[in-house]
Structure formats: structure tokens, C-alpha cells
Amino acid sequence: MRFTDPAKNIAKLGLTDGMMVADFGAGTGVYTMAVADKVGSRGAVYAVDVQQDLLSKIKNQAIENKYEHVDTLWADIDEVNGVNLKDELLDAVILSNTLFQLEKKENTVGEIKRVLKKGGKLLLIDWSEAFGGIGPHPVCVVTKESAKNLFESAEFSVDDDFDAGAHHYGFIFKKQ
């Protein structure tokens, strides 16, 4: 069961050939693969996750699809300097269905800010509610307003606020 449409949500970023993008908390790699198509072989996509088994699956899928521009990075996005990417390297970062899981949300926001170029964009998708036992436990849901405040307090501005699918909200934030 899929509640969101990655291709539709990715389109909000305006990605073009040659861009550099990271998928923080890549999970099964649905967004990673959607981005790989958009940035082409001149671009780069980094699937970042703390679970090695998921990264292995993404790597295998990238090989099957002949996506030589997809790389996997084992990293803890919850830690300061937890992602082994250079400062201001990326044009965009994706954080989908991950915010509610983070223990140190401010650290993750800091990592996103560190690796994004000035004017770079963040696609944030997260659960707006717990839904019938699917998604986060109700106490873990990060409200849309809380997410907006979290990123605005780190000097991101809202570029777009959109419906990201059933039981989800979406934002495009821009690094100032």
C-alpha cells in the first residue's frame, strides 16, 4: 500500500540533469531511484541510511538499473557530521517518512543545512497522522506546523507547501 507518489513529489524539486541529491533515510530506495532518473548519469544520488541491509538492496537495484551515478552511504543522519559528504555539496536533499523517527531532529536539520548549497532545496514528506496502525505511533507524529517551525528556525524558508498524499504533508524548503 502506497500513500504517496514519489515521482509526483520529486517533480516539486525541479531537478535537472547533472544535479547532486541525497536521500536521507533512504529506506527501500523508492525516492533514490526516482531521483536517479531525473538527474541522469551526469548527476549523483546518495542513498543515506543507517541500515546496511537496506543500502545493499538499493545498491543491487541501482546495478540492475545501470545507475552508476547512485551511491550508498551508511550514516547516522541524527548525528552532527554523521553524513560523510562535503559541506555545501548538494543541490537537494530528500527526507521522506523519516522525520518522525529521529531522536535528534535538530542535528538532522543541521546536517541537511551543512550539505546543501546556498539556495539548495529540501523535499520533506512526513506523516500528518497515525492511520489505523500504519505509520508512526500517534505520539511520534511531527505535526506540519512543528516541522515548519523546526526548519524555519534553522533559516530555511518555505518554497512550497503541498499535499503529499493520503495521511502525509509535504514541504519544499530552501536554504538561505
N, C-alpha and C. Protein backbone atom coordinates (compact mmCIF):
# COMPACT_ATOMS: atom_id res chain seq x y z
N MET A 1 0.85 -1.19 0.00
CA MET A 1 0.00 0.00 0.00
C MET A 1 0.89 1.25 0.00
N ARG A 2 0.70 2.12 -0.95
CA ARG A 2 1.49 3.34 -1.04
C ARG A 2 0.58 4.54 -0.84
N PHE A 3 0.96 5.40 0.10
CA PHE A 3 0.16 6.57 0.43
C PHE A 3 0.62 7.82 -0.31
N THR A 4 1.84 7.79 -0.84
CA THR A 4 2.37 8.96 -1.54
C THR A 4 2.89 8.52 -2.91
N ASP A 5 3.08 9.49 -3.78
CA ASP A 5 3.58 9.24 -5.13
C ASP A 5 4.95 9.89 -5.26
N PRO A 6 6.03 9.11 -5.11
CA PRO A 6 7.37 9.68 -5.16
C PRO A 6 7.65 10.50 -6.42
N ALA A 7 7.26 10.03 -7.58
CA ALA A 7 7.55 10.77 -8.82
C ALA A 7 6.87 12.14 -8.80
N LYS A 8 5.63 12.18 -8.34
CA LYS A 8 4.89 13.45 -8.25
C LYS A 8 5.56 14.39 -7.23
N ASN A 9 5.96 13.85 -6.11
CA ASN A 9 6.60 14.67 -5.08
C ASN A 9 7.98 15.16 -5.52
N ILE A 10 8.74 14.29 -6.19
CA ILE A 10 10.07 14.65 -6.70
C ILE A 10 9.95 15.80 -7.71
N ALA A 11 8.90 15.80 -8.51
CA ALA A 11 8.72 16.84 -9.52
C ALA A 11 8.71 18.24 -8.90
N LYS A 12 8.28 18.33 -7.65
CA LYS A 12 8.23 19.61 -6.94
C LYS A 12 9.63 20.22 -6.75
N LEU A 13 10.67 19.39 -6.81
CA LEU A 13 12.04 19.88 -6.61
C LEU A 13 12.61 20.56 -7.86
N GLY A 14 12.06 20.29 -9.01
CA GLY A 14 12.59 20.87 -10.24
C GLY A 14 13.98 20.38 -10.58
N LEU A 15 14.24 19.11 -10.35
CA LEU A 15 15.56 18.55 -10.61
C LEU A 15 15.85 18.53 -12.10
N THR A 16 17.13 18.75 -12.41
CA THR A 16 17.57 18.71 -13.80
C THR A 16 18.83 17.86 -13.92
N ASP A 17 19.15 17.52 -15.14
CA ASP A 17 20.32 16.71 -15.44
C ASP A 17 21.58 17.32 -14.80
N GLY A 18 22.34 16.47 -14.13
CA GLY A 18 23.61 16.90 -13.55
C GLY A 18 23.55 17.34 -12.10
N MET A 19 22.38 17.38 -11.50
CA MET A 19 22.27 17.80 -10.09
C MET A 19 22.77 16.71 -9.15
N MET A 20 23.13 17.16 -7.95
CA MET A 20 23.61 16.28 -6.88
C MET A 20 22.55 16.28 -5.78
N VAL A 21 22.09 15.06 -5.42
CA VAL A 21 20.98 14.92 -4.48
C VAL A 21 21.27 13.80 -3.49
N ALA A 22 20.83 13.97 -2.24
CA ALA A 22 20.91 12.90 -1.25
C ALA A 22 19.51 12.58 -0.74
N ASP A 23 19.28 11.30 -0.53
CA ASP A 23 18.04 10.79 0.04
C ASP A 23 18.37 10.34 1.46
N PHE A 24 18.09 11.22 2.43
CA PHE A 24 18.38 10.94 3.84
C PHE A 24 17.31 10.00 4.40
N GLY A 25 17.75 8.89 4.99
CA GLY A 25 16.80 7.89 5.47
C GLY A 25 16.16 7.21 4.28
N ALA A 26 17.00 6.76 3.36
CA ALA A 26 16.56 6.26 2.05
C ALA A 26 15.63 5.06 2.12
N GLY A 27 15.73 4.28 3.18
CA GLY A 27 14.84 3.12 3.33
C GLY A 27 14.97 2.16 2.16
N THR A 28 13.86 1.90 1.47
CA THR A 28 13.86 0.94 0.37
C THR A 28 14.36 1.55 -0.94
N GLY A 29 14.59 2.85 -0.97
CA GLY A 29 15.17 3.49 -2.15
C GLY A 29 14.17 3.96 -3.20
N VAL A 30 12.90 4.02 -2.85
CA VAL A 30 11.89 4.46 -3.81
C VAL A 30 12.21 5.86 -4.32
N TYR A 31 12.54 6.78 -3.42
CA TYR A 31 12.87 8.14 -3.83
C TYR A 31 14.24 8.18 -4.52
N THR A 32 15.17 7.38 -4.04
CA THR A 32 16.50 7.33 -4.66
C THR A 32 16.40 7.01 -6.14
N MET A 33 15.63 5.99 -6.47
CA MET A 33 15.50 5.57 -7.87
C MET A 33 14.75 6.62 -8.70
N ALA A 34 13.74 7.24 -8.13
CA ALA A 34 13.01 8.29 -8.84
C ALA A 34 13.92 9.47 -9.15
N VAL A 35 14.80 9.81 -8.23
CA VAL A 35 15.75 10.91 -8.43
C VAL A 35 16.80 10.54 -9.47
N ALA A 36 17.25 9.29 -9.46
CA ALA A 36 18.28 8.84 -10.41
C ALA A 36 17.84 9.09 -11.85
N ASP A 37 16.57 8.89 -12.12
CA ASP A 37 16.05 9.16 -13.46
C ASP A 37 16.14 10.64 -13.81
N LYS A 38 15.87 11.50 -12.85
CA LYS A 38 15.81 12.95 -13.08
C LYS A 38 17.18 13.59 -13.28
N VAL A 39 18.18 13.17 -12.50
CA VAL A 39 19.48 13.84 -12.56
C VAL A 39 20.41 13.25 -13.61
N GLY A 40 20.06 12.08 -14.13
CA GLY A 40 20.84 11.47 -15.20
C GLY A 40 22.24 11.07 -14.79
N SER A 41 22.95 10.52 -15.72
CA SER A 41 24.29 10.00 -15.42
C SER A 41 25.32 11.09 -15.13
N ARG A 42 25.01 12.33 -15.48
CA ARG A 42 25.92 13.45 -15.15
C ARG A 42 25.72 13.91 -13.71
N GLY A 43 24.62 13.49 -13.09
CA GLY A 43 24.34 13.85 -11.72
C GLY A 43 24.82 12.78 -10.76
N ALA A 44 24.46 12.96 -9.50
CA ALA A 44 24.81 11.97 -8.48
C ALA A 44 23.68 11.89 -7.47
N VAL A 45 23.41 10.68 -7.02
CA VAL A 45 22.40 10.44 -6.00
C VAL A 45 23.04 9.62 -4.89
N TYR A 46 22.90 10.11 -3.66
CA TYR A 46 23.43 9.42 -2.49
C TYR A 46 22.26 8.90 -1.67
N ALA A 47 22.16 7.59 -1.54
CA ALA A 47 21.17 6.96 -0.66
C ALA A 47 21.83 6.83 0.70
N VAL A 48 21.30 7.54 1.69
CA VAL A 48 21.91 7.59 3.02
C VAL A 48 20.98 6.92 4.02
N ASP A 49 21.51 5.92 4.72
CA ASP A 49 20.70 5.22 5.71
C ASP A 49 21.61 4.58 6.75
N VAL A 50 21.03 4.24 7.89
CA VAL A 50 21.77 3.60 8.97
C VAL A 50 21.65 2.07 8.89
N GLN A 51 20.75 1.58 8.04
CA GLN A 51 20.53 0.14 7.91
C GLN A 51 21.26 -0.43 6.70
N GLN A 52 22.31 -1.20 6.97
CA GLN A 52 23.15 -1.76 5.90
C GLN A 52 22.36 -2.64 4.94
N ASP A 53 21.41 -3.43 5.45
CA ASP A 53 20.66 -4.33 4.58
C ASP A 53 19.84 -3.56 3.55
N LEU A 54 19.28 -2.44 3.96
CA LEU A 54 18.53 -1.61 3.01
C LEU A 54 19.45 -0.99 1.96
N LEU A 55 20.62 -0.55 2.41
CA LEU A 55 21.59 0.03 1.47
C LEU A 55 22.05 -1.01 0.45
N SER A 56 22.22 -2.25 0.89
CA SER A 56 22.61 -3.32 -0.04
C SER A 56 21.53 -3.53 -1.10
N LYS A 57 20.28 -3.49 -0.70
CA LYS A 57 19.17 -3.66 -1.65
C LYS A 57 19.15 -2.50 -2.65
N ILE A 58 19.37 -1.28 -2.15
CA ILE A 58 19.40 -0.12 -3.05
C ILE A 58 20.56 -0.25 -4.04
N LYS A 59 21.72 -0.66 -3.55
CA LYS A 59 22.89 -0.82 -4.42
C LYS A 59 22.60 -1.85 -5.51
N ASN A 60 21.99 -2.97 -5.13
CA ASN A 60 21.65 -4.01 -6.10
C ASN A 60 20.65 -3.50 -7.13
N GLN A 61 19.68 -2.74 -6.67
CA GLN A 61 18.67 -2.18 -7.58
C GLN A 61 19.33 -1.18 -8.54
N ALA A 62 20.26 -0.39 -8.04
CA ALA A 62 20.98 0.58 -8.88
C ALA A 62 21.79 -0.16 -9.95
N ILE A 63 22.42 -1.25 -9.57
CA ILE A 63 23.20 -2.04 -10.53
C ILE A 63 22.27 -2.62 -11.61
N GLU A 64 21.13 -3.16 -11.17
CA GLU A 64 20.14 -3.71 -12.12
C GLU A 64 19.68 -2.66 -13.13
N ASN A 65 19.49 -1.43 -12.64
CA ASN A 65 19.01 -0.34 -13.49
C ASN A 65 20.13 0.38 -14.23
N LYS A 66 21.36 -0.08 -14.02
CA LYS A 66 22.55 0.54 -14.64
C LYS A 66 22.69 2.01 -14.24
N TYR A 67 22.39 2.28 -12.97
CA TYR A 67 22.55 3.62 -12.41
C TYR A 67 23.92 3.70 -11.73
N GLU A 68 24.93 3.99 -12.50
CA GLU A 68 26.28 4.11 -11.95
C GLU A 68 26.42 5.38 -11.11
N HIS A 69 25.48 6.30 -11.24
CA HIS A 69 25.54 7.57 -10.51
C HIS A 69 24.81 7.51 -9.16
N VAL A 70 24.39 6.31 -8.74
CA VAL A 70 23.77 6.13 -7.43
C VAL A 70 24.81 5.50 -6.50
N ASP A 71 25.01 6.14 -5.36
CA ASP A 71 25.96 5.64 -4.37
C ASP A 71 25.23 5.48 -3.05
N THR A 72 25.64 4.51 -2.26
CA THR A 72 25.04 4.31 -0.94
C THR A 72 26.03 4.73 0.13
N LEU A 73 25.49 5.37 1.17
CA LEU A 73 26.31 5.82 2.29
C LEU A 73 25.70 5.36 3.60
N TRP A 74 26.45 4.57 4.34
CA TRP A 74 26.00 4.21 5.68
C TRP A 74 26.31 5.42 6.57
N ALA A 75 25.28 5.95 7.22
CA ALA A 75 25.48 7.14 8.05
C ALA A 75 24.33 7.29 9.03
N ASP A 76 24.61 8.01 10.10
CA ASP A 76 23.59 8.34 11.09
C ASP A 76 23.24 9.80 10.91
N ILE A 77 22.11 10.06 10.27
CA ILE A 77 21.69 11.44 9.98
C ILE A 77 21.28 12.19 11.24
N ASP A 78 21.19 11.48 12.34
CA ASP A 78 20.81 12.05 13.64
C ASP A 78 22.02 12.65 14.38
N GLU A 79 23.20 12.50 13.82
CA GLU A 79 24.42 12.95 14.49
C GLU A 79 25.06 14.12 13.75
N VAL A 80 25.65 15.04 14.49
CA VAL A 80 26.40 16.15 13.90
C VAL A 80 27.56 15.56 13.11
N ASN A 81 27.71 15.98 11.87
CA ASN A 81 28.72 15.44 10.95
C ASN A 81 28.60 13.93 10.77
N GLY A 82 27.38 13.42 10.91
CA GLY A 82 27.15 11.98 10.79
C GLY A 82 27.10 11.50 9.34
N VAL A 83 27.00 12.42 8.41
CA VAL A 83 26.94 12.08 6.99
C VAL A 83 28.25 12.48 6.34
N ASN A 84 28.92 11.51 5.75
CA ASN A 84 30.23 11.75 5.17
C ASN A 84 30.11 12.36 3.77
N LEU A 85 29.58 13.58 3.73
CA LEU A 85 29.51 14.36 2.50
C LEU A 85 30.10 15.74 2.78
N LYS A 86 30.69 16.33 1.77
CA LYS A 86 31.30 17.65 1.92
C LYS A 86 30.26 18.72 2.19
N ASP A 87 30.68 19.77 2.84
CA ASP A 87 29.81 20.93 3.06
C ASP A 87 29.39 21.53 1.73
N GLU A 88 28.14 21.97 1.66
CA GLU A 88 27.59 22.67 0.50
C GLU A 88 27.82 21.94 -0.83
N LEU A 89 27.68 20.63 -0.81
CA LEU A 89 27.89 19.78 -1.98
C LEU A 89 26.62 19.61 -2.82
N LEU A 90 25.47 19.59 -2.15
CA LEU A 90 24.24 19.12 -2.80
C LEU A 90 23.29 20.22 -3.25
N ASP A 91 22.59 19.91 -4.33
CA ASP A 91 21.53 20.79 -4.83
C ASP A 91 20.22 20.54 -4.09
N ALA A 92 20.03 19.30 -3.63
CA ALA A 92 18.78 18.95 -2.97
C ALA A 92 18.97 17.76 -2.02
N VAL A 93 18.11 17.72 -1.01
CA VAL A 93 18.05 16.61 -0.06
C VAL A 93 16.59 16.20 0.05
N ILE A 94 16.36 14.91 0.20
CA ILE A 94 15.03 14.37 0.41
C ILE A 94 15.00 13.76 1.81
N LEU A 95 13.94 14.05 2.55
CA LEU A 95 13.71 13.45 3.86
C LEU A 95 12.25 13.01 3.87
N SER A 96 12.02 11.74 3.51
CA SER A 96 10.66 11.25 3.36
C SER A 96 10.34 10.18 4.39
N ASN A 97 9.26 10.40 5.12
CA ASN A 97 8.79 9.46 6.15
C ASN A 97 9.90 9.07 7.13
N THR A 98 10.69 10.05 7.48
CA THR A 98 11.84 9.83 8.36
C THR A 98 11.83 10.75 9.57
N LEU A 99 11.33 11.96 9.42
CA LEU A 99 11.38 12.96 10.50
C LEU A 99 10.80 12.41 11.79
N PHE A 100 9.69 11.71 11.71
CA PHE A 100 9.03 11.20 12.92
C PHE A 100 9.88 10.18 13.67
N GLN A 101 10.84 9.56 12.98
CA GLN A 101 11.68 8.52 13.58
C GLN A 101 12.91 9.07 14.29
N LEU A 102 13.26 10.31 14.02
CA LEU A 102 14.52 10.87 14.51
C LEU A 102 14.45 11.26 15.98
N GLU A 103 15.50 10.91 16.70
CA GLU A 103 15.60 11.28 18.10
C GLU A 103 16.16 12.69 18.27
N LYS A 104 17.09 13.06 17.38
CA LYS A 104 17.76 14.36 17.48
C LYS A 104 17.48 15.15 16.20
N LYS A 105 16.26 15.59 16.08
CA LYS A 105 15.80 16.26 14.85
C LYS A 105 16.65 17.48 14.50
N GLU A 106 17.05 18.24 15.51
CA GLU A 106 17.86 19.45 15.25
C GLU A 106 19.20 19.08 14.62
N ASN A 107 19.78 17.95 15.02
CA ASN A 107 21.04 17.51 14.42
C ASN A 107 20.85 17.20 12.93
N THR A 108 19.74 16.54 12.62
CA THR A 108 19.46 16.20 11.23
C THR A 108 19.25 17.46 10.40
N VAL A 109 18.52 18.41 10.94
CA VAL A 109 18.32 19.68 10.24
C VAL A 109 19.67 20.35 9.99
N GLY A 110 20.55 20.29 10.98
CA GLY A 110 21.89 20.85 10.83
C GLY A 110 22.71 20.15 9.75
N GLU A 111 22.59 18.84 9.67
CA GLU A 111 23.29 18.08 8.63
C GLU A 111 22.77 18.43 7.24
N ILE A 112 21.46 18.56 7.13
CA ILE A 112 20.87 18.95 5.84
C ILE A 112 21.38 20.33 5.44
N LYS A 113 21.36 21.23 6.39
CA LYS A 113 21.83 22.60 6.12
C LYS A 113 23.31 22.60 5.72
N ARG A 114 24.10 21.78 6.38
CA ARG A 114 25.55 21.72 6.12
C ARG A 114 25.84 21.23 4.70
N VAL A 115 25.13 20.19 4.25
CA VAL A 115 25.47 19.58 2.96
C VAL A 115 24.81 20.27 1.76
N LEU A 116 23.78 21.09 2.01
CA LEU A 116 23.11 21.80 0.92
C LEU A 116 23.87 23.05 0.51
N LYS A 117 23.90 23.30 -0.79
CA LYS A 117 24.43 24.56 -1.29
C LYS A 117 23.47 25.68 -0.89
N LYS A 118 23.97 26.91 -0.89
CA LYS A 118 23.09 28.06 -0.69
C LYS A 118 22.04 28.04 -1.79
N GLY A 119 20.78 28.17 -1.40
CA GLY A 119 19.68 28.09 -2.37
C GLY A 119 19.23 26.67 -2.67
N GLY A 120 19.93 25.69 -2.08
CA GLY A 120 19.55 24.29 -2.25
C GLY A 120 18.20 24.01 -1.62
N LYS A 121 17.57 22.93 -2.05
CA LYS A 121 16.21 22.64 -1.60
C LYS A 121 16.12 21.31 -0.85
N LEU A 122 15.18 21.29 0.07
CA LEU A 122 14.85 20.09 0.83
C LEU A 122 13.41 19.71 0.51
N LEU A 123 13.21 18.46 0.11
CA LEU A 123 11.87 17.90 -0.01
C LEU A 123 11.60 17.15 1.28
N LEU A 124 10.63 17.65 2.05
CA LEU A 124 10.24 17.00 3.30
C LEU A 124 8.85 16.42 3.12
N ILE A 125 8.74 15.12 3.32
CA ILE A 125 7.45 14.42 3.31
C ILE A 125 7.37 13.70 4.65
N ASP A 126 6.25 13.86 5.34
CA ASP A 126 6.10 13.10 6.58
C ASP A 126 4.63 12.84 6.86
N TRP A 127 4.40 11.96 7.81
CA TRP A 127 3.05 11.56 8.20
C TRP A 127 2.35 12.70 8.92
N SER A 128 1.12 12.99 8.52
CA SER A 128 0.33 14.01 9.20
C SER A 128 -0.47 13.42 10.35
N GLU A 129 -0.54 12.09 10.40
CA GLU A 129 -1.30 11.42 11.45
C GLU A 129 -0.93 9.95 11.47
N ALA A 130 -1.27 9.29 12.58
CA ALA A 130 -1.19 7.84 12.63
C ALA A 130 -2.47 7.35 11.97
N PHE A 131 -2.37 6.28 11.19
CA PHE A 131 -3.53 5.83 10.43
C PHE A 131 -3.72 4.33 10.59
N GLY A 132 -4.69 3.96 11.39
CA GLY A 132 -5.07 2.56 11.51
C GLY A 132 -3.93 1.59 11.73
N GLY A 133 -2.97 1.95 12.57
CA GLY A 133 -1.85 1.07 12.85
C GLY A 133 -0.74 1.14 11.81
N ILE A 134 -0.91 1.96 10.78
CA ILE A 134 0.12 2.12 9.75
C ILE A 134 0.76 3.48 9.99
N GLY A 135 2.06 3.57 9.79
CA GLY A 135 2.74 4.83 10.03
C GLY A 135 3.18 4.92 11.48
N PRO A 136 3.50 6.12 11.92
CA PRO A 136 4.06 6.29 13.26
C PRO A 136 3.01 6.12 14.36
N HIS A 137 3.50 5.81 15.53
CA HIS A 137 2.66 5.82 16.72
C HIS A 137 2.19 7.27 16.91
N PRO A 138 0.95 7.49 17.34
CA PRO A 138 0.44 8.86 17.46
C PRO A 138 1.36 9.85 18.19
N VAL A 139 2.07 9.39 19.22
CA VAL A 139 2.94 10.32 19.96
C VAL A 139 4.20 10.69 19.18
N CYS A 140 4.50 9.94 18.11
CA CYS A 140 5.70 10.22 17.30
C CYS A 140 5.42 11.14 16.11
N VAL A 141 4.16 11.35 15.78
CA VAL A 141 3.82 12.19 14.64
C VAL A 141 4.37 13.60 14.87
N VAL A 142 5.06 14.13 13.87
CA VAL A 142 5.54 15.51 13.89
C VAL A 142 4.52 16.32 13.09
N THR A 143 3.83 17.22 13.75
CA THR A 143 2.80 17.98 13.04
C THR A 143 3.42 18.83 11.95
N LYS A 144 2.60 19.18 11.00
CA LYS A 144 3.03 20.03 9.89
C LYS A 144 3.60 21.35 10.42
N GLU A 145 2.91 21.94 11.39
CA GLU A 145 3.36 23.21 11.97
C GLU A 145 4.69 23.05 12.70
N SER A 146 4.86 21.95 13.43
CA SER A 146 6.13 21.70 14.13
C SER A 146 7.28 21.52 13.15
N ALA A 147 7.02 20.79 12.07
CA ALA A 147 8.06 20.60 11.05
C ALA A 147 8.45 21.93 10.43
N LYS A 148 7.46 22.73 10.10
CA LYS A 148 7.72 24.05 9.51
C LYS A 148 8.57 24.90 10.46
N ASN A 149 8.20 24.93 11.73
CA ASN A 149 8.95 25.71 12.73
C ASN A 149 10.37 25.20 12.89
N LEU A 150 10.55 23.88 12.87
CA LEU A 150 11.87 23.28 13.02
C LEU A 150 12.82 23.76 11.93
N PHE A 151 12.36 23.76 10.69
CA PHE A 151 13.24 24.15 9.59
C PHE A 151 13.37 25.67 9.47
N GLU A 152 12.30 26.39 9.72
CA GLU A 152 12.40 27.85 9.67
C GLU A 152 13.33 28.38 10.75
N SER A 153 13.38 27.72 11.90
CA SER A 153 14.29 28.16 12.97
C SER A 153 15.75 27.94 12.60
N ALA A 154 16.00 27.09 11.59
CA ALA A 154 17.36 26.85 11.09
C ALA A 154 17.62 27.63 9.80
N GLU A 155 16.82 28.67 9.58
CA GLU A 155 17.00 29.59 8.45
C GLU A 155 16.69 28.98 7.09
N PHE A 156 15.74 28.06 7.06
CA PHE A 156 15.19 27.58 5.80
C PHE A 156 13.90 28.36 5.57
N SER A 157 13.57 28.60 4.32
CA SER A 157 12.29 29.25 4.01
C SER A 157 11.40 28.27 3.25
N VAL A 158 10.11 28.43 3.41
CA VAL A 158 9.16 27.57 2.71
C VAL A 158 9.05 28.04 1.26
N ASP A 159 9.39 27.15 0.35
CA ASP A 159 9.28 27.43 -1.09
C ASP A 159 7.95 26.90 -1.62
N ASP A 160 7.46 25.82 -1.01
CA ASP A 160 6.19 25.23 -1.40
C ASP A 160 5.66 24.41 -0.23
N ASP A 161 4.35 24.37 -0.13
CA ASP A 161 3.63 23.61 0.89
C ASP A 161 2.54 22.88 0.12
N PHE A 162 2.57 21.55 0.11
CA PHE A 162 1.67 20.81 -0.77
C PHE A 162 1.14 19.54 -0.13
N ASP A 163 0.10 19.02 -0.72
CA ASP A 163 -0.48 17.76 -0.32
C ASP A 163 0.39 16.65 -0.88
N ALA A 164 0.99 15.86 -0.01
CA ALA A 164 1.94 14.83 -0.46
C ALA A 164 1.29 13.45 -0.52
N GLY A 165 -0.02 13.38 -0.43
CA GLY A 165 -0.71 12.10 -0.49
C GLY A 165 -1.50 11.85 0.78
N ALA A 166 -2.21 10.75 0.79
CA ALA A 166 -3.06 10.40 1.94
C ALA A 166 -2.23 10.31 3.22
N HIS A 167 -2.65 11.03 4.24
CA HIS A 167 -2.04 10.99 5.58
C HIS A 167 -0.63 11.57 5.62
N HIS A 168 -0.27 12.39 4.64
CA HIS A 168 1.07 12.99 4.56
C HIS A 168 0.98 14.48 4.23
N TYR A 169 2.00 15.22 4.68
CA TYR A 169 2.16 16.61 4.26
C TYR A 169 3.49 16.71 3.53
N GLY A 170 3.65 17.77 2.77
CA GLY A 170 4.88 17.98 2.04
C GLY A 170 5.28 19.44 2.05
N PHE A 171 6.58 19.63 2.11
CA PHE A 171 7.18 20.96 2.01
C PHE A 171 8.37 20.92 1.08
N ILE A 172 8.61 22.00 0.40
CA ILE A 172 9.91 22.28 -0.21
C ILE A 172 10.47 23.45 0.58
N PHE A 173 11.59 23.21 1.24
CA PHE A 173 12.29 24.27 1.96
C PHE A 173 13.52 24.66 1.15
N LYS A 174 13.87 25.93 1.25
CA LYS A 174 15.05 26.45 0.55
C LYS A 174 16.05 26.95 1.58
N LYS A 175 17.31 26.57 1.40
CA LYS A 175 18.38 27.03 2.29
C LYS A 175 18.72 28.46 1.93
N GLN A 176 18.70 29.34 2.93
CA GLN A 176 19.01 30.76 2.71
C GLN A 176 20.49 30.98 2.60
